[in-house]
Amino acid sequence: MQQLVAKIPWGHNLRILDSIKESSIRLWYVQKTIENGWSRNVLIHQIESCNLFIA
């Protein structure tokens, strides 16, 4: 996981750590951010959209 989080900006990492509690879901967001080149705003939107379905 350390190698993956080094591939995304620190702000992305902070947002994922602050928003997602489960490590497997955190990893999924890191992978998708890398695969899709998500900006921080897109990442935030993705996290918030998924939280709407979970809540």
N, C-alpha and C. Protein backbone atom coordinates (compact mmCIF):
# COMPACT_ATOMS: atom_id res chain seq x y z
N MET A 1 0.83 -1.19 0.00
CA MET A 1 0.00 0.00 0.00
C MET A 1 0.87 1.25 0.00
N GLN A 2 2.01 1.22 0.70
CA GLN A 2 2.87 2.39 0.76
C GLN A 2 3.30 2.86 -0.63
N GLN A 3 3.60 1.91 -1.50
CA GLN A 3 4.03 2.27 -2.85
C GLN A 3 2.90 2.96 -3.61
N LEU A 4 1.68 2.54 -3.39
CA LEU A 4 0.55 3.13 -4.10
C LEU A 4 0.26 4.55 -3.61
N VAL A 5 0.25 4.75 -2.30
CA VAL A 5 -0.08 6.08 -1.80
C VAL A 5 0.98 7.10 -2.16
N ALA A 6 2.19 6.64 -2.44
CA ALA A 6 3.26 7.56 -2.88
C ALA A 6 3.01 8.07 -4.30
N LYS A 7 2.11 7.42 -5.02
CA LYS A 7 1.82 7.80 -6.40
C LYS A 7 0.74 8.87 -6.53
N ILE A 8 0.09 9.21 -5.43
CA ILE A 8 -0.94 10.25 -5.49
C ILE A 8 -0.54 11.41 -4.58
N PRO A 9 -1.06 12.61 -4.87
CA PRO A 9 -0.71 13.78 -4.08
C PRO A 9 -1.11 13.64 -2.60
N TRP A 10 -0.38 14.34 -1.76
CA TRP A 10 -0.62 14.28 -0.32
C TRP A 10 -2.06 14.67 0.03
N GLY A 11 -2.61 15.67 -0.63
CA GLY A 11 -3.98 16.09 -0.36
C GLY A 11 -4.99 14.98 -0.62
N HIS A 12 -4.74 14.19 -1.66
CA HIS A 12 -5.61 13.04 -1.94
C HIS A 12 -5.53 12.04 -0.79
N ASN A 13 -4.30 11.77 -0.35
CA ASN A 13 -4.11 10.81 0.75
C ASN A 13 -4.84 11.27 2.00
N LEU A 14 -4.71 12.54 2.33
CA LEU A 14 -5.38 13.06 3.52
C LEU A 14 -6.89 12.91 3.42
N ARG A 15 -7.44 13.22 2.25
CA ARG A 15 -8.89 13.12 2.06
C ARG A 15 -9.35 11.68 2.23
N ILE A 16 -8.62 10.74 1.66
CA ILE A 16 -8.98 9.32 1.78
C ILE A 16 -8.88 8.88 3.25
N LEU A 17 -7.79 9.25 3.92
CA LEU A 17 -7.62 8.85 5.32
C LEU A 17 -8.69 9.45 6.22
N ASP A 18 -9.06 10.70 5.96
CA ASP A 18 -10.08 11.36 6.78
C ASP A 18 -11.49 10.84 6.53
N SER A 19 -11.75 10.40 5.30
CA SER A 19 -13.11 10.05 4.91
C SER A 19 -13.44 8.57 5.00
N ILE A 20 -12.43 7.72 4.84
CA ILE A 20 -12.66 6.28 4.73
C ILE A 20 -11.98 5.58 5.90
N LYS A 21 -12.70 4.77 6.62
CA LYS A 21 -12.16 4.09 7.80
C LYS A 21 -11.60 2.70 7.47
N GLU A 22 -12.20 2.00 6.55
CA GLU A 22 -11.80 0.62 6.24
C GLU A 22 -10.63 0.61 5.25
N SER A 23 -9.58 -0.11 5.59
CA SER A 23 -8.36 -0.08 4.77
C SER A 23 -8.57 -0.63 3.36
N SER A 24 -9.40 -1.63 3.20
CA SER A 24 -9.61 -2.18 1.85
C SER A 24 -10.32 -1.17 0.95
N ILE A 25 -11.21 -0.37 1.52
CA ILE A 25 -11.90 0.65 0.74
C ILE A 25 -10.95 1.81 0.45
N ARG A 26 -10.10 2.14 1.40
CA ARG A 26 -9.08 3.16 1.15
C ARG A 26 -8.21 2.75 -0.03
N LEU A 27 -7.77 1.52 -0.02
CA LEU A 27 -6.93 1.01 -1.10
C LEU A 27 -7.65 1.10 -2.44
N TRP A 28 -8.94 0.78 -2.46
CA TRP A 28 -9.72 0.85 -3.69
C TRP A 28 -9.72 2.28 -4.22
N TYR A 29 -9.93 3.28 -3.35
CA TYR A 29 -9.93 4.67 -3.79
C TYR A 29 -8.56 5.10 -4.30
N VAL A 30 -7.50 4.65 -3.65
CA VAL A 30 -6.15 4.97 -4.13
C VAL A 30 -5.95 4.38 -5.52
N GLN A 31 -6.32 3.12 -5.71
CA GLN A 31 -6.15 2.47 -7.01
C GLN A 31 -6.96 3.18 -8.09
N LYS A 32 -8.20 3.51 -7.80
CA LYS A 32 -9.05 4.19 -8.80
C LYS A 32 -8.53 5.58 -9.11
N THR A 33 -7.99 6.27 -8.11
CA THR A 33 -7.42 7.59 -8.34
C THR A 33 -6.25 7.49 -9.30
N ILE A 34 -5.40 6.49 -9.12
CA ILE A 34 -4.25 6.29 -10.00
C ILE A 34 -4.72 5.89 -11.40
N GLU A 35 -5.61 4.92 -11.48
CA GLU A 35 -6.09 4.41 -12.77
C GLU A 35 -6.77 5.50 -13.60
N ASN A 36 -7.57 6.33 -12.94
CA ASN A 36 -8.40 7.29 -13.66
C ASN A 36 -7.87 8.72 -13.63
N GLY A 37 -6.78 8.94 -12.91
CA GLY A 37 -6.20 10.28 -12.84
C GLY A 37 -7.13 11.29 -12.18
N TRP A 38 -7.86 10.86 -11.15
CA TRP A 38 -8.82 11.73 -10.50
C TRP A 38 -8.14 12.93 -9.86
N SER A 39 -8.71 14.10 -10.08
CA SER A 39 -8.29 15.29 -9.34
C SER A 39 -8.83 15.15 -7.91
N ARG A 40 -8.42 16.02 -7.02
CA ARG A 40 -8.93 15.95 -5.65
C ARG A 40 -10.43 16.20 -5.63
N ASN A 41 -10.91 17.12 -6.45
CA ASN A 41 -12.35 17.39 -6.48
C ASN A 41 -13.14 16.18 -6.97
N VAL A 42 -12.62 15.49 -7.97
CA VAL A 42 -13.30 14.29 -8.47
C VAL A 42 -13.28 13.21 -7.38
N LEU A 43 -12.15 13.05 -6.72
CA LEU A 43 -12.06 12.07 -5.63
C LEU A 43 -13.09 12.37 -4.55
N ILE A 44 -13.18 13.61 -4.14
CA ILE A 44 -14.15 14.01 -3.12
C ILE A 44 -15.57 13.70 -3.59
N HIS A 45 -15.86 14.02 -4.84
CA HIS A 45 -17.19 13.73 -5.39
C HIS A 45 -17.47 12.22 -5.36
N GLN A 46 -16.49 11.43 -5.74
CA GLN A 46 -16.67 9.97 -5.74
C GLN A 46 -16.93 9.45 -4.33
N ILE A 47 -16.16 9.94 -3.37
CA ILE A 47 -16.34 9.50 -1.98
C ILE A 47 -17.73 9.91 -1.47
N GLU A 48 -18.10 11.15 -1.72
CA GLU A 48 -19.40 11.64 -1.25
C GLU A 48 -20.55 10.90 -1.94
N SER A 49 -20.40 10.60 -3.21
CA SER A 49 -21.46 9.87 -3.95
C SER A 49 -21.65 8.48 -3.37
N CYS A 50 -20.55 7.80 -3.06
CA CYS A 50 -20.65 6.46 -2.50
C CYS A 50 -21.24 6.49 -1.10
N ASN A 51 -20.89 7.51 -0.32
CA ASN A 51 -21.44 7.64 1.02
C ASN A 51 -22.95 7.85 1.01
N LEU A 52 -23.47 8.46 -0.05
CA LEU A 52 -24.92 8.63 -0.16
C LEU A 52 -25.63 7.29 -0.27
N PHE A 53 -24.99 6.33 -0.96
CA PHE A 53 -25.61 5.03 -1.13
C PHE A 53 -25.46 4.15 0.12
N ILE A 54 -24.40 4.41 0.89
CA ILE A 54 -24.14 3.60 2.09
C ILE A 54 -25.01 4.07 3.24
N ALA A 55 -25.19 5.39 3.35
CA ALA A 55 -25.91 5.95 4.52
C ALA A 55 -27.37 5.61 4.53
